[in-house]
Amino acid sequence: MPANAPGAKLILLTTTHRVAPGLLAWPAWEALRSAGRVLVADEGHPQVAAVRQAGVTVEVVPAGSAPALARLLTGQPAQAGPTVWLGGPDGDPGLTDALARLAVEHAGEVPEIEVLPGSYDLPGARLLDLASVMDRLRSPGGCPWDAEQTHESLVKYLVEEAYELVEAIEEGDRDTLREELGDVLLQVFFHSRIAEEHPTEPFSVDDVAGDLVDKLVYRHPHVFGDVEAGGAAEVEANWEQLKAAEKTDRESVLDGVPAGLPALAYAAKLVSRVRRAGFTGVPDEPYELPAELTAESAGRLLLAVTQRAHDAGVDVDAALRSAARGYRDAVRAAEGLEP
């Protein structure tokens, strides 16, 4: 086989399937239009139809076929233009090995290789994959268990995952933190996918994200508007003011506090709402240890501690969990076990 003419080139054009077909960088389109031939491993490549609609011929060649590549790449005249390989979303398994084999078996005949990024993943692009996977699991032919779930049946998992995330944060376990964040995120996508099927009031994860973006922009006028904020305390006060303006249908300062919270977290949220509103109609519980505890006196004592903790800037729920972990470790140490 004759050697390549000087300047012969193979361009490996990398793309991502997470952008719309045809949405390629300008250098990528220049390379495609000036190519002597354009190759792809899979006819189903998401960019193939758009490239052909632009008048560029695309040939399908198995990525791992060294003989087929040899016939197309060796002896390539430079004046015919470079050969462009349209990289697949899966990385084209076998392509690297096939090119390495060609470099050995056809030394001096394989053209120069250039990698050209044609499209990029933006931050958050993998969320598109998650939406696609969730849709597959929920659709006919997907997972029977996932297809049976409802908002109500998933509640216990949402609560469990949230607490597992809290534990990972408190333990400082970075690997578990990453995993548990994913599990909580799954719940959001799962509920959103179920919501799409509602017969009269459907909404999607895009609607959820859109509402959240609108809320964040509205409640951060010091970032997205012309409001000046002197510090975190002022930002928080402004946030609460804007939030109150949104909830005009609330009659009480305690409206909107979910009663389903764990008891201690529920008490802490109530105290926080009362303090923020500057409400003085109900006196604080007296902090004193009764001679004999009953259910009522124990509850009032815990409420008093919650009030004192809030005023001291202490997260009473986190403080109790920390004390409980210390108690657990002490018990295990007394048993001769590792904490």
Protein backbone atom coordinates (compact mmCIF):
# COMPACT_ATOMS: atom_id res chain seq x y z
CA MET A 1 0.00 0.00 0.00
CA PRO A 2 1.33 3.46 -0.79
CA ALA A 3 2.27 5.73 2.07
CA ASN A 4 0.06 8.64 2.98
CA ALA A 5 0.59 11.97 1.33
CA PRO A 6 1.99 14.62 3.65
CA GLY A 7 -0.75 16.27 5.67
CA ALA A 8 -3.23 13.34 5.61
CA LYS A 9 -5.31 13.47 8.79
CA LEU A 10 -7.93 11.56 10.81
CA ILE A 11 -10.08 13.80 13.01
CA LEU A 12 -11.78 12.10 15.97
CA LEU A 13 -14.82 14.34 16.48
CA THR A 14 -16.12 13.83 20.03
CA THR A 15 -19.75 14.69 20.80
CA THR A 16 -22.26 14.37 23.62
CA HIS A 17 -25.77 12.99 23.23
CA ARG A 18 -26.99 15.46 25.88
CA VAL A 19 -27.34 18.33 23.40
CA ALA A 20 -29.82 18.70 20.57
CA PRO A 21 -28.86 16.99 17.26
CA GLY A 22 -26.97 19.39 15.01
CA LEU A 23 -25.83 21.55 17.91
CA LEU A 24 -22.09 21.31 17.26
CA ALA A 25 -19.24 23.78 17.62
CA TRP A 26 -18.36 25.79 14.52
CA PRO A 27 -14.92 24.09 14.12
CA ALA A 28 -16.76 20.76 14.14
CA TRP A 29 -19.03 21.82 11.28
CA GLU A 30 -16.04 23.16 9.35
CA ALA A 31 -14.29 19.81 9.76
CA LEU A 32 -17.38 17.89 8.63
CA ARG A 33 -17.95 20.05 5.54
CA SER A 34 -14.30 19.93 4.47
CA ALA A 35 -13.88 16.19 5.13
CA GLY A 36 -12.94 13.75 2.41
CA ARG A 37 -15.18 11.23 4.14
CA VAL A 38 -17.10 11.04 7.41
CA LEU A 39 -17.27 7.75 9.31
CA VAL A 40 -19.44 6.60 12.21
CA ALA A 41 -19.71 3.30 14.08
CA ASP A 42 -23.48 3.30 14.57
CA GLU A 43 -26.25 4.31 12.17
CA GLY A 44 -28.25 5.33 15.26
CA HIS A 45 -25.74 7.98 16.33
CA PRO A 46 -27.81 11.00 17.50
CA GLN A 47 -25.95 13.40 15.17
CA VAL A 48 -26.06 11.34 11.97
CA ALA A 49 -29.42 12.61 10.69
CA ALA A 50 -28.51 16.27 11.33
CA VAL A 51 -25.13 15.89 9.60
CA ARG A 52 -26.74 14.26 6.57
CA GLN A 53 -29.40 16.98 6.42
CA ALA A 54 -26.52 19.45 6.16
CA GLY A 55 -25.46 17.68 2.93
CA VAL A 56 -22.57 15.67 4.43
CA THR A 57 -22.30 11.97 3.51
CA VAL A 58 -21.79 9.67 6.48
CA GLU A 59 -20.52 6.08 6.13
CA VAL A 60 -21.05 3.41 8.81
CA VAL A 61 -17.94 1.42 9.79
CA PRO A 62 -17.67 -0.89 12.86
CA ALA A 63 -15.41 0.82 15.40
CA GLY A 64 -13.51 -2.34 16.24
CA SER A 65 -12.91 -3.47 12.66
CA ALA A 66 -9.23 -2.90 11.94
CA PRO A 67 -9.43 -4.30 8.37
CA ALA A 68 -12.31 -1.98 7.47
CA LEU A 69 -10.50 1.00 8.95
CA ALA A 70 -7.34 0.03 7.14
CA ARG A 71 -9.12 0.10 3.79
CA LEU A 72 -10.55 3.56 4.52
CA LEU A 73 -7.61 5.23 6.23
CA THR A 74 -4.43 3.96 4.63
CA GLY A 75 -3.24 5.55 1.43
CA GLN A 76 -5.48 8.58 2.07
CA PRO A 77 -4.50 11.52 -0.19
CA ALA A 78 -4.21 14.76 1.79
CA GLN A 79 -5.85 16.83 -0.94
CA ALA A 80 -9.06 14.84 -0.56
CA GLY A 81 -9.56 16.37 2.85
CA PRO A 82 -9.32 14.77 6.29
CA THR A 83 -11.27 11.74 7.36
CA VAL A 84 -13.63 12.59 10.23
CA TRP A 85 -14.70 9.94 12.72
CA LEU A 86 -17.97 10.95 14.39
CA GLY A 87 -17.44 9.72 17.94
CA GLY A 88 -20.31 7.85 19.58
CA PRO A 89 -21.89 8.46 23.01
CA ASP A 90 -20.45 5.17 24.25
CA GLY A 91 -16.88 6.10 23.33
CA ASP A 92 -16.85 3.58 20.45
CA PRO A 93 -15.45 0.51 22.24
CA GLY A 94 -12.74 -1.12 20.18
CA LEU A 95 -11.78 1.96 18.21
CA THR A 96 -8.60 2.64 20.19
CA ASP A 97 -7.45 -0.97 19.83
CA ALA A 98 -8.22 -0.96 16.10
CA LEU A 99 -6.23 2.25 15.56
CA ALA A 100 -3.31 0.88 17.62
CA ARG A 101 -3.31 -2.27 15.51
CA LEU A 102 -3.27 -0.20 12.33
CA ALA A 103 -0.36 1.86 13.60
CA VAL A 104 1.66 -1.34 13.97
CA GLU A 105 0.53 -3.25 10.88
CA HIS A 106 0.50 -0.23 8.55
CA ALA A 107 3.33 1.86 9.86
CA GLY A 108 3.75 5.05 7.84
CA GLU A 109 0.36 4.68 6.16
CA VAL A 110 -2.03 5.70 8.95
CA PRO A 111 -2.76 9.45 8.91
CA GLU A 112 -2.05 11.90 11.69
CA ILE A 113 -4.79 11.76 14.36
CA GLU A 114 -6.40 14.88 15.89
CA VAL A 115 -9.07 14.94 18.60
CA LEU A 116 -11.66 17.69 18.06
CA PRO A 117 -14.39 18.30 20.68
CA GLY A 118 -17.61 18.94 18.77
CA SER A 119 -19.96 19.48 21.72
CA TYR A 120 -19.63 19.66 25.48
CA ASP A 121 -21.61 18.66 28.53
CA LEU A 122 -22.72 21.68 30.52
CA PRO A 123 -22.91 21.50 34.34
CA GLY A 124 -25.93 19.41 35.28
CA ALA A 125 -26.00 17.54 31.97
CA ARG A 126 -26.07 14.14 33.67
CA LEU A 127 -29.47 15.06 35.11
CA LEU A 128 -30.78 14.47 31.58
CA ASP A 129 -29.54 10.89 31.85
CA LEU A 130 -31.30 10.51 35.19
CA ALA A 131 -34.57 11.77 33.70
CA SER A 132 -34.18 9.30 30.83
CA VAL A 133 -33.43 6.36 33.13
CA MET A 134 -36.37 7.23 35.39
CA ASP A 135 -38.65 7.41 32.38
CA ARG A 136 -37.46 3.99 31.19
CA LEU A 137 -38.01 2.43 34.61
CA ARG A 138 -41.53 3.85 34.88
CA SER A 139 -42.65 3.14 31.30
CA PRO A 140 -44.15 -0.10 29.91
CA GLY A 141 -41.44 -2.73 29.69
CA GLY A 142 -39.51 -1.11 32.54
CA CYS A 143 -39.38 -2.14 36.18
CA PRO A 144 -42.64 -3.60 37.62
CA TRP A 145 -41.84 -2.35 41.14
CA ASP A 146 -41.12 1.20 39.97
CA ALA A 147 -44.29 1.19 37.86
CA GLU A 148 -46.44 0.38 40.94
CA GLN A 149 -45.15 3.16 43.17
CA THR A 150 -47.20 6.22 44.12
CA HIS A 151 -46.40 9.47 45.93
CA GLU A 152 -47.83 7.87 49.08
CA SER A 153 -45.87 4.61 48.83
CA LEU A 154 -42.59 6.48 48.40
CA VAL A 155 -42.96 8.71 51.47
CA LYS A 156 -41.17 6.32 53.81
CA TYR A 157 -38.21 6.07 51.43
CA LEU A 158 -37.97 9.85 51.15
CA VAL A 159 -37.83 10.16 54.94
CA GLU A 160 -35.28 7.35 55.27
CA GLU A 161 -33.03 8.76 52.56
CA ALA A 162 -33.15 12.22 54.13
CA TYR A 163 -32.03 10.87 57.49
CA GLU A 164 -29.31 8.76 55.92
CA LEU A 165 -28.05 11.93 54.24
CA VAL A 166 -28.07 13.75 57.58
CA GLU A 167 -26.04 10.93 59.12
CA ALA A 168 -23.48 11.04 56.30
CA ILE A 169 -23.08 14.80 56.82
CA GLU A 170 -22.66 14.46 60.57
CA GLU A 171 -20.19 11.58 60.20
CA GLY A 172 -18.13 13.52 57.65
CA ASP A 173 -18.17 10.53 55.28
CA ARG A 174 -17.62 12.03 51.82
CA ASP A 175 -18.23 8.84 49.83
CA THR A 176 -21.48 8.12 51.65
CA LEU A 177 -22.49 11.80 51.37
CA ARG A 178 -22.20 11.61 47.59
CA GLU A 179 -24.21 8.39 47.48
CA GLU A 180 -26.95 9.66 49.79
CA LEU A 181 -27.30 12.91 47.86
CA GLY A 182 -27.97 10.75 44.83
CA ASP A 183 -30.61 8.77 46.70
CA VAL A 184 -32.40 11.97 47.76
CA LEU A 185 -32.16 13.30 44.19
CA LEU A 186 -33.71 10.05 42.94
CA GLN A 187 -36.75 10.70 45.12
CA VAL A 188 -37.26 14.11 43.48
CA PHE A 189 -37.06 12.62 39.97
CA PHE A 190 -39.21 9.62 40.95
CA HIS A 191 -42.02 11.79 42.35
CA SER A 192 -41.79 14.13 39.36
CA ARG A 193 -42.07 11.22 36.94
CA ILE A 194 -45.15 9.91 38.78
CA ALA A 195 -46.63 13.41 38.66
CA GLU A 196 -46.42 13.42 34.85
CA GLU A 197 -49.06 10.68 34.77
CA HIS A 198 -51.70 12.60 36.72
CA PRO A 199 -54.88 12.68 34.61
CA THR A 200 -55.80 16.34 35.22
CA GLU A 201 -52.87 18.13 36.87
CA PRO A 202 -49.64 16.67 35.47
CA PHE A 203 -46.25 18.29 35.92
CA SER A 204 -42.70 17.22 35.12
CA VAL A 205 -39.28 17.54 36.68
CA ASP A 206 -38.72 20.51 34.33
CA ASP A 207 -41.74 22.23 35.90
CA VAL A 208 -40.34 21.49 39.36
CA ALA A 209 -36.93 22.88 38.41
CA GLY A 210 -38.49 25.91 36.68
CA ASP A 211 -40.56 26.80 39.74
CA LEU A 212 -37.47 26.46 41.92
CA VAL A 213 -35.42 28.72 39.65
CA ASP A 214 -38.15 31.36 39.72
CA LYS A 215 -38.33 31.16 43.52
CA LEU A 216 -34.55 31.42 43.99
CA VAL A 217 -34.28 34.40 41.66
CA TYR A 218 -37.22 36.15 43.35
CA ARG A 219 -35.88 35.57 46.85
CA HIS A 220 -32.35 36.71 45.98
CA PRO A 221 -32.90 40.28 44.76
CA HIS A 222 -29.46 41.16 46.18
CA VAL A 223 -27.98 38.78 43.57
CA PHE A 224 -30.37 39.00 40.61
CA GLY A 225 -31.79 42.48 41.26
CA ASP A 226 -30.70 45.85 42.59
CA VAL A 227 -31.30 45.29 46.33
CA GLU A 228 -28.33 45.85 48.62
CA ALA A 229 -27.67 43.32 51.41
CA GLY A 230 -25.22 44.02 54.23
CA GLY A 231 -24.65 40.44 55.35
CA ALA A 232 -26.12 36.98 55.89
CA ALA A 233 -28.52 38.15 58.63
CA GLU A 234 -29.99 40.81 56.38
CA VAL A 235 -30.28 38.32 53.53
CA GLU A 236 -32.15 35.90 55.78
CA ALA A 237 -34.51 38.62 57.01
CA ASN A 238 -35.22 39.69 53.44
CA TRP A 239 -35.83 36.05 52.47
CA GLU A 240 -38.43 35.67 55.21
CA GLN A 241 -40.10 38.93 54.21
CA LEU A 242 -40.40 37.85 50.57
CA LYS A 243 -41.56 34.40 51.63
CA ALA A 244 -44.28 35.92 53.82
CA ALA A 245 -45.42 38.06 50.90
CA GLU A 246 -45.90 34.90 48.82
CA LYS A 247 -47.96 33.15 51.53
CA THR A 248 -50.73 35.72 51.82
CA ASP A 249 -53.33 33.04 52.64
CA ARG A 250 -51.71 32.20 55.98
CA GLU A 251 -53.52 33.37 59.09
CA SER A 252 -51.07 32.22 61.79
CA VAL A 253 -47.30 32.59 62.09
CA LEU A 254 -47.30 28.79 62.48
CA ASP A 255 -49.17 28.01 59.25
CA GLY A 256 -47.05 25.86 56.97
CA VAL A 257 -45.07 24.10 59.70
CA PRO A 258 -45.44 20.40 58.79
CA ALA A 259 -46.92 18.46 61.70
CA GLY A 260 -45.31 15.30 60.34
CA LEU A 261 -41.85 16.39 61.47
CA PRO A 262 -40.21 14.36 64.25
CA ALA A 263 -41.31 15.72 67.62
CA LEU A 264 -38.11 17.56 68.51
CA ALA A 265 -37.69 19.04 65.02
CA TYR A 266 -41.37 20.06 65.08
CA ALA A 267 -40.93 21.88 68.39
CA ALA A 268 -37.77 23.59 67.12
CA LYS A 269 -39.56 24.78 63.96
CA LEU A 270 -42.46 26.17 65.99
CA VAL A 271 -40.08 28.05 68.30
CA SER A 272 -38.15 29.40 65.28
CA ARG A 273 -41.36 30.71 63.67
CA VAL A 274 -42.50 32.37 66.91
CA ARG A 275 -39.12 34.03 67.47
CA ARG A 276 -38.88 35.32 63.89
CA ALA A 277 -42.37 36.79 64.10
CA GLY A 278 -41.53 38.49 67.42
CA PHE A 279 -44.69 36.97 68.88
CA THR A 280 -45.02 37.50 72.66
CA GLY A 281 -48.55 36.26 73.30
CA VAL A 282 -47.35 33.00 74.87
CA PRO A 283 -44.66 32.99 77.62
CA ASP A 284 -41.70 30.65 77.45
CA GLU A 285 -41.84 27.40 79.33
CA PRO A 286 -39.93 27.62 82.65
CA TYR A 287 -36.71 25.63 82.56
CA GLU A 288 -36.73 23.59 85.74
CA LEU A 289 -36.39 19.88 86.39
CA PRO A 290 -39.49 18.59 88.18
CA ALA A 291 -39.13 16.19 91.09
CA GLU A 292 -41.10 13.56 89.21
CA LEU A 293 -41.40 13.40 85.45
CA THR A 294 -44.68 12.67 83.76
CA ALA A 295 -45.44 12.67 80.05
CA GLU A 296 -46.71 16.25 80.35
CA SER A 297 -43.83 17.59 82.47
CA ALA A 298 -41.23 15.82 80.32
CA GLY A 299 -42.71 17.37 77.20
CA ARG A 300 -42.78 20.84 78.71
CA LEU A 301 -39.18 20.43 79.87
CA LEU A 302 -38.09 19.44 76.35
CA LEU A 303 -39.95 22.44 74.93
CA ALA A 304 -38.18 24.73 77.41
CA VAL A 305 -34.81 23.29 76.39
CA THR A 306 -35.75 23.79 72.73
CA GLN A 307 -36.56 27.46 73.38
CA ARG A 308 -33.30 28.04 75.25
CA ALA A 309 -31.32 26.25 72.55
CA HIS A 310 -32.86 28.37 69.78
CA ASP A 311 -32.04 31.59 71.65
CA ALA A 312 -28.45 30.38 72.08
CA GLY A 313 -28.11 29.57 68.36
CA VAL A 314 -27.97 25.82 69.00
CA ASP A 315 -29.59 23.31 66.64
CA VAL A 316 -31.35 21.28 69.30
CA ASP A 317 -32.00 18.29 67.01
CA ALA A 318 -28.34 18.09 65.94
CA ALA A 319 -27.23 18.61 69.55
CA LEU A 320 -29.34 15.70 70.75
CA ARG A 321 -28.09 13.44 67.95
CA SER A 322 -24.50 14.36 68.85
CA ALA A 323 -25.12 13.55 72.51
CA ALA A 324 -26.81 10.28 71.50
CA ARG A 325 -23.80 9.31 69.39
CA GLY A 326 -21.52 10.03 72.35
CA TYR A 327 -23.76 7.87 74.53
CA ARG A 328 -23.65 5.10 71.93
CA ASP A 329 -19.86 5.23 71.77
CA ALA A 330 -19.59 5.13 75.57
CA VAL A 331 -21.79 2.05 75.72
CA ARG A 332 -19.76 0.30 73.03
CA ALA A 333 -16.52 1.21 74.81
CA ALA A 334 -17.91 -0.26 78.05
CA GLU A 335 -18.65 -3.43 76.08
CA GLY A 336 -15.07 -3.50 74.87
CA LEU A 337 -16.07 -2.69 71.30
CA GLU A 338 -14.83 -0.08 68.87
CA PRO A 339 -17.04 3.07 68.81
